[in-house]
């Protein structure tokens, strides 16, 4: 804690704001509080929110901890991006991966980057025989529904579907055209 306090003192003045984007167990927040800095702690875990409250109550002798009850908040909804168009929706790809060991069986899935997805399959295969046969990129909501549709349309075993490659590809294209 002493080292962290020295680092904060060396890089800020009393009253400055210290940002801890990976707040965790609130060590930086507590150190900042002890030496008179304001602080903002951010973490992906709700557990961190609880830890901050516990650490402040335990490590900082506060006469009135209610002051912090109003200042510490937990937001679970991601903020809306303002740099994108009003109706922007991220895109994903629905892909078809094959393996020659499994004739007429195809992995139909969804990914942001189908080529990276293929690499993850190749790692588990010493012969590196998986092939990315086709992928279609569209809005995420359409991609999710398309993947589900293909798995319902063709016989499937978990994430793999059985059928003729060209028919699966044609169904993907047809579905995408009808739902744009």
C-alpha atoms as a PDB file:
ATOM      1  CA  UNK A   1       0.000   0.000   0.000  1.00  0.00           C
ATOM      2  CA  UNK A   2       2.856   2.387   0.856  1.00  0.00           C
ATOM      3  CA  UNK A   3       4.461   1.929  -2.575  1.00  0.00           C
ATOM      4  CA  UNK A   4       1.145   2.562  -4.324  1.00  0.00           C
ATOM      5  CA  UNK A   5       0.586   5.701  -2.226  1.00  0.00           C
ATOM      6  CA  UNK A   6       4.067   6.970  -3.222  1.00  0.00           C
ATOM      7  CA  UNK A   7       3.332   6.339  -6.903  1.00  0.00           C
ATOM      8  CA  UNK A   8       0.011   8.188  -6.680  1.00  0.00           C
ATOM      9  CA  UNK A   9       1.643  11.113  -4.793  1.00  0.00           C
ATOM     10  CA  UNK A  10       4.412  11.336  -7.404  1.00  0.00           C
ATOM     11  CA  UNK A  11       1.983  11.451 -10.308  1.00  0.00           C
ATOM     12  CA  UNK A  12      -0.858  13.596  -8.933  1.00  0.00           C
ATOM     13  CA  UNK A  13      -1.758  16.467  -6.629  1.00  0.00           C
ATOM     14  CA  UNK A  14      -4.202  16.483  -3.739  1.00  0.00           C
ATOM     15  CA  UNK A  15      -7.735  16.769  -5.124  1.00  0.00           C
ATOM     16  CA  UNK A  16      -6.823  15.162  -8.481  1.00  0.00           C
ATOM     17  CA  UNK A  17      -8.819  12.212  -9.766  1.00  0.00           C
ATOM     18  CA  UNK A  18      -7.146   8.793  -9.953  1.00  0.00           C
ATOM     19  CA  UNK A  19      -8.650   6.355 -12.447  1.00  0.00           C
ATOM     20  CA  UNK A  20      -8.422   2.629 -11.741  1.00  0.00           C
ATOM     21  CA  UNK A  21      -9.929   0.892 -14.805  1.00  0.00           C
ATOM     22  CA  UNK A  22      -9.411  -2.586 -13.286  1.00  0.00           C
ATOM     23  CA  UNK A  23     -10.546  -1.858  -9.750  1.00  0.00           C
ATOM     24  CA  UNK A  24     -10.616  -5.434  -8.434  1.00  0.00           C
ATOM     25  CA  UNK A  25     -10.300  -5.348  -4.647  1.00  0.00           C
ATOM     26  CA  UNK A  26     -10.065  -1.531  -4.515  1.00  0.00           C
ATOM     27  CA  UNK A  27      -6.428  -1.167  -3.410  1.00  0.00           C
ATOM     28  CA  UNK A  28      -5.827   1.867  -5.652  1.00  0.00           C
ATOM     29  CA  UNK A  29      -9.118   3.432  -4.536  1.00  0.00           C
ATOM     30  CA  UNK A  30      -8.230   3.021  -0.851  1.00  0.00           C
ATOM     31  CA  UNK A  31      -4.686   4.353  -1.379  1.00  0.00           C
ATOM     32  CA  UNK A  32      -6.079   7.354  -3.267  1.00  0.00           C
ATOM     33  CA  UNK A  33      -8.626   8.052  -0.552  1.00  0.00           C
ATOM     34  CA  UNK A  34      -5.969   7.892   2.196  1.00  0.00           C
ATOM     35  CA  UNK A  35      -3.830  10.572   0.543  1.00  0.00           C
ATOM     36  CA  UNK A  36      -6.627  12.952  -0.429  1.00  0.00           C
ATOM     37  CA  UNK A  37      -7.223  12.054  -4.050  1.00  0.00           C
ATOM     38  CA  UNK A  38     -10.603  11.589  -5.633  1.00  0.00           C
ATOM     39  CA  UNK A  39     -10.906   8.298  -7.447  1.00  0.00           C
ATOM     40  CA  UNK A  40     -12.917   6.376  -9.992  1.00  0.00           C
ATOM     41  CA  UNK A  41     -12.793   2.595  -9.894  1.00  0.00           C
ATOM     42  CA  UNK A  42     -14.147   0.529 -12.781  1.00  0.00           C
ATOM     43  CA  UNK A  43     -14.456  -3.236 -12.941  1.00  0.00           C
ATOM     44  CA  UNK A  44     -16.385  -5.809 -14.919  1.00  0.00           C
ATOM     45  CA  UNK A  45     -17.211  -7.790 -11.781  1.00  0.00           C
ATOM     46  CA  UNK A  46     -20.102  -7.020  -9.457  1.00  0.00           C
ATOM     47  CA  UNK A  47     -17.918  -8.543  -6.729  1.00  0.00           C
ATOM     48  CA  UNK A  48     -15.581  -5.541  -7.087  1.00  0.00           C
ATOM     49  CA  UNK A  49     -18.493  -3.239  -6.246  1.00  0.00           C
ATOM     50  CA  UNK A  50     -19.027  -5.113  -2.979  1.00  0.00           C
ATOM     51  CA  UNK A  51     -15.281  -5.172  -2.234  1.00  0.00           C
ATOM     52  CA  UNK A  52     -14.967  -1.406  -2.635  1.00  0.00           C
ATOM     53  CA  UNK A  53     -17.690  -0.825  -0.058  1.00  0.00           C
ATOM     54  CA  UNK A  54     -16.136  -3.323   2.373  1.00  0.00           C
ATOM     55  CA  UNK A  55     -12.573  -2.014   1.901  1.00  0.00           C
ATOM     56  CA  UNK A  56     -13.598   1.616   2.390  1.00  0.00           C
ATOM     57  CA  UNK A  57     -15.531   0.796   5.548  1.00  0.00           C
ATOM     58  CA  UNK A  58     -12.622  -1.279   6.907  1.00  0.00           C
ATOM     59  CA  UNK A  59      -9.496   0.564   5.742  1.00  0.00           C
ATOM     60  CA  UNK A  60     -10.634   4.183   5.889  1.00  0.00           C
ATOM     61  CA  UNK A  61     -11.740   5.479   9.271  1.00  0.00           C
ATOM     62  CA  UNK A  62     -14.832   7.311   8.208  1.00  0.00           C
ATOM     63  CA  UNK A  63     -17.078   9.089  10.595  1.00  0.00           C
ATOM     64  CA  UNK A  64     -19.913   9.007   8.121  1.00  0.00           C
ATOM     65  CA  UNK A  65     -19.847   6.079   5.688  1.00  0.00           C
ATOM     66  CA  UNK A  66     -23.252   7.140   4.335  1.00  0.00           C
ATOM     67  CA  UNK A  67     -21.367   9.757   2.297  1.00  0.00           C
ATOM     68  CA  UNK A  68     -19.909   6.934   0.207  1.00  0.00           C
ATOM     69  CA  UNK A  69     -23.167   4.996  -0.083  1.00  0.00           C
ATOM     70  CA  UNK A  70     -24.417   7.704  -2.443  1.00  0.00           C
ATOM     71  CA  UNK A  71     -21.135   7.921  -4.362  1.00  0.00           C
ATOM     72  CA  UNK A  72     -20.455   4.223  -5.029  1.00  0.00           C
ATOM     73  CA  UNK A  73     -22.651   2.818  -7.733  1.00  0.00           C
ATOM     74  CA  UNK A  74     -22.954  -0.356  -9.721  1.00  0.00           C
ATOM     75  CA  UNK A  75     -23.982  -0.005 -13.353  1.00  0.00           C
ATOM     76  CA  UNK A  76     -24.631  -3.259 -15.175  1.00  0.00           C
ATOM     77  CA  UNK A  77     -25.856  -1.845 -18.480  1.00  0.00           C
ATOM     78  CA  UNK A  78     -23.133  -0.981 -20.982  1.00  0.00           C
ATOM     79  CA  UNK A  79     -23.180   2.674 -21.981  1.00  0.00           C
ATOM     80  CA  UNK A  80     -24.692   3.529 -25.348  1.00  0.00           C
ATOM     81  CA  UNK A  81     -22.049   4.379 -27.907  1.00  0.00           C
ATOM     82  CA  UNK A  82     -22.393   7.885 -29.284  1.00  0.00           C
ATOM     83  CA  UNK A  83     -19.939   7.515 -32.160  1.00  0.00           C
ATOM     84  CA  UNK A  84     -22.242   5.263 -34.190  1.00  0.00           C
ATOM     85  CA  UNK A  85     -25.326   5.879 -36.292  1.00  0.00           C
ATOM     86  CA  UNK A  86     -28.692   5.729 -34.532  1.00  0.00           C
ATOM     87  CA  UNK A  87     -29.701   2.304 -35.893  1.00  0.00           C
ATOM     88  CA  UNK A  88     -26.207   0.758 -35.928  1.00  0.00           C
ATOM     89  CA  UNK A  89     -25.953  -2.940 -35.144  1.00  0.00           C
ATOM     90  CA  UNK A  90     -22.727  -4.921 -35.001  1.00  0.00           C
ATOM     91  CA  UNK A  91     -22.150  -7.589 -37.590  1.00  0.00           C
ATOM     92  CA  UNK A  92     -21.309 -11.260 -37.161  1.00  0.00           C
ATOM     93  CA  UNK A  93     -20.637 -14.027 -39.630  1.00  0.00           C
ATOM     94  CA  UNK A  94     -22.428 -17.330 -39.880  1.00  0.00           C
ATOM     95  CA  UNK A  95     -19.851 -19.805 -41.119  1.00  0.00           C
ATOM     96  CA  UNK A  96     -19.641 -23.343 -42.474  1.00  0.00           C
ATOM     97  CA  UNK A  97     -16.562 -25.355 -41.490  1.00  0.00           C
ATOM     98  CA  UNK A  98     -15.929 -28.848 -42.825  1.00  0.00           C
ATOM     99  CA  UNK A  99     -13.618 -31.717 -41.973  1.00  0.00           C
ATOM    100  CA  UNK A 100     -12.974 -34.440 -44.601  1.00  0.00           C
ATOM    101  CA  UNK A 101     -13.189 -37.087 -41.870  1.00  0.00           C
ATOM    102  CA  UNK A 102     -16.889 -36.254 -41.507  1.00  0.00           C
ATOM    103  CA  UNK A 103     -18.541 -36.433 -44.936  1.00  0.00           C
ATOM    104  CA  UNK A 104     -21.628 -34.203 -45.311  1.00  0.00           C
ATOM    105  CA  UNK A 105     -21.306 -32.887 -41.748  1.00  0.00           C
ATOM    106  CA  UNK A 106     -20.590 -29.225 -41.217  1.00  0.00           C
ATOM    107  CA  UNK A 107     -20.007 -26.971 -38.266  1.00  0.00           C
ATOM    108  CA  UNK A 108     -22.412 -24.069 -38.677  1.00  0.00           C
ATOM    109  CA  UNK A 109     -21.731 -21.351 -36.155  1.00  0.00           C
ATOM    110  CA  UNK A 110     -21.514 -17.638 -35.548  1.00  0.00           C
ATOM    111  CA  UNK A 111     -18.385 -15.550 -34.965  1.00  0.00           C
ATOM    112  CA  UNK A 112     -17.027 -12.041 -35.330  1.00  0.00           C
ATOM    113  CA  UNK A 113     -14.080 -13.444 -37.256  1.00  0.00           C
ATOM    114  CA  UNK A 114     -14.677 -16.833 -38.938  1.00  0.00           C
ATOM    115  CA  UNK A 115     -11.017 -17.203 -39.953  1.00  0.00           C
ATOM    116  CA  UNK A 116      -9.958 -16.952 -36.310  1.00  0.00           C
ATOM    117  CA  UNK A 117     -12.672 -19.450 -35.449  1.00  0.00           C
ATOM    118  CA  UNK A 118     -11.212 -21.856 -38.006  1.00  0.00           C
ATOM    119  CA  UNK A 119      -7.792 -21.512 -36.358  1.00  0.00           C
ATOM    120  CA  UNK A 120      -9.272 -22.610 -33.036  1.00  0.00           C
ATOM    121  CA  UNK A 121     -10.485 -25.812 -34.714  1.00  0.00           C
ATOM    122  CA  UNK A 122      -7.119 -26.348 -36.425  1.00  0.00           C
ATOM    123  CA  UNK A 123      -5.293 -26.245 -33.077  1.00  0.00           C
ATOM    124  CA  UNK A 124      -7.200 -29.322 -31.909  1.00  0.00           C
ATOM    125  CA  UNK A 125      -6.562 -31.227 -35.149  1.00  0.00           C
ATOM    126  CA  UNK A 126      -2.993 -32.497 -35.713  1.00  0.00           C
ATOM    127  CA  UNK A 127      -3.717 -32.887 -39.447  1.00  0.00           C
ATOM    128  CA  UNK A 128      -5.143 -29.365 -39.739  1.00  0.00           C
ATOM    129  CA  UNK A 129      -7.850 -30.696 -42.020  1.00  0.00           C
ATOM    130  CA  UNK A 130     -10.693 -28.320 -41.110  1.00  0.00           C
ATOM    131  CA  UNK A 131     -11.696 -25.952 -43.909  1.00  0.00           C
ATOM    132  CA  UNK A 132     -13.698 -22.746 -43.847  1.00  0.00           C
ATOM    133  CA  UNK A 133     -16.088 -23.478 -46.708  1.00  0.00           C
ATOM    134  CA  UNK A 134     -18.286 -20.388 -46.603  1.00  0.00           C
ATOM    135  CA  UNK A 135     -19.343 -17.496 -44.420  1.00  0.00           C
ATOM    136  CA  UNK A 136     -21.998 -14.815 -44.644  1.00  0.00           C
ATOM    137  CA  UNK A 137     -21.654 -11.554 -42.719  1.00  0.00           C
ATOM    138  CA  UNK A 138     -24.777  -9.744 -41.580  1.00  0.00           C
ATOM    139  CA  UNK A 139     -26.247  -7.880 -38.609  1.00  0.00           C
ATOM    140  CA  UNK A 140     -25.816  -9.792 -35.353  1.00  0.00           C
ATOM    141  CA  UNK A 141     -29.559 -10.285 -34.796  1.00  0.00           C
ATOM    142  CA  UNK A 142     -29.986 -11.766 -38.283  1.00  0.00           C
ATOM    143  CA  UNK A 143     -26.861 -13.915 -37.877  1.00  0.00           C
ATOM    144  CA  UNK A 144     -28.167 -15.428 -34.622  1.00  0.00           C
ATOM    145  CA  UNK A 145     -31.516 -16.249 -36.190  1.00  0.00           C
ATOM    146  CA  UNK A 146     -29.860 -17.609 -39.331  1.00  0.00           C
ATOM    147  CA  UNK A 147     -27.647 -19.955 -37.327  1.00  0.00           C
ATOM    148  CA  UNK A 148     -30.683 -21.175 -35.384  1.00  0.00           C
ATOM    149  CA  UNK A 149     -32.677 -21.596 -38.608  1.00  0.00           C
ATOM    150  CA  UNK A 150     -29.965 -23.751 -40.247  1.00  0.00           C
ATOM    151  CA  UNK A 151     -29.752 -25.956 -37.157  1.00  0.00           C
ATOM    152  CA  UNK A 152     -33.516 -26.455 -37.270  1.00  0.00           C
ATOM    153  CA  UNK A 153     -33.706 -26.946 -41.038  1.00  0.00           C
ATOM    154  CA  UNK A 154     -31.027 -29.661 -41.263  1.00  0.00           C
ATOM    155  CA  UNK A 155     -30.448 -32.738 -39.084  1.00  0.00           C
ATOM    156  CA  UNK A 156     -27.960 -31.756 -36.413  1.00  0.00           C
ATOM    157  CA  UNK A 157     -25.685 -33.105 -33.728  1.00  0.00           C
ATOM    158  CA  UNK A 158     -25.045 -30.284 -31.282  1.00  0.00           C
ATOM    159  CA  UNK A 159     -23.203 -27.630 -33.323  1.00  0.00           C
ATOM    160  CA  UNK A 160     -22.814 -29.775 -36.458  1.00  0.00           C
ATOM    161  CA  UNK A 161     -25.427 -30.175 -39.185  1.00  0.00           C
ATOM    162  CA  UNK A 162     -25.759 -32.972 -41.726  1.00  0.00           C
ATOM    163  CA  UNK A 163     -26.604 -32.290 -45.354  1.00  0.00           C
ATOM    164  CA  UNK A 164     -25.352 -31.258 -48.740  1.00  0.00           C
ATOM    165  CA  UNK A 165     -22.953 -28.311 -48.503  1.00  0.00           C
ATOM    166  CA  UNK A 166     -24.498 -26.437 -51.440  1.00  0.00           C
ATOM    167  CA  UNK A 167     -28.015 -26.792 -50.002  1.00  0.00           C
ATOM    168  CA  UNK A 168     -26.871 -25.455 -46.628  1.00  0.00           C
ATOM    169  CA  UNK A 169     -25.126 -22.531 -48.333  1.00  0.00           C
ATOM    170  CA  UNK A 170     -28.186 -21.803 -50.521  1.00  0.00           C
ATOM    171  CA  UNK A 171     -30.459 -21.810 -47.447  1.00  0.00           C
ATOM    172  CA  UNK A 172     -28.143 -19.356 -45.709  1.00  0.00           C
ATOM    173  CA  UNK A 173     -28.177 -16.993 -48.691  1.00  0.00           C
ATOM    174  CA  UNK A 174     -31.949 -17.310 -49.159  1.00  0.00           C
ATOM    175  CA  UNK A 175     -32.639 -16.677 -45.456  1.00  0.00           C
ATOM    176  CA  UNK A 176     -30.334 -13.661 -45.424  1.00  0.00           C
ATOM    177  CA  UNK A 177     -31.976 -12.136 -48.509  1.00  0.00           C
ATOM    178  CA  UNK A 178     -35.473 -12.624 -47.077  1.00  0.00           C
ATOM    179  CA  UNK A 179     -34.552 -11.079 -43.716  1.00  0.00           C
ATOM    180  CA  UNK A 180     -32.670  -7.944 -44.702  1.00  0.00           C
END
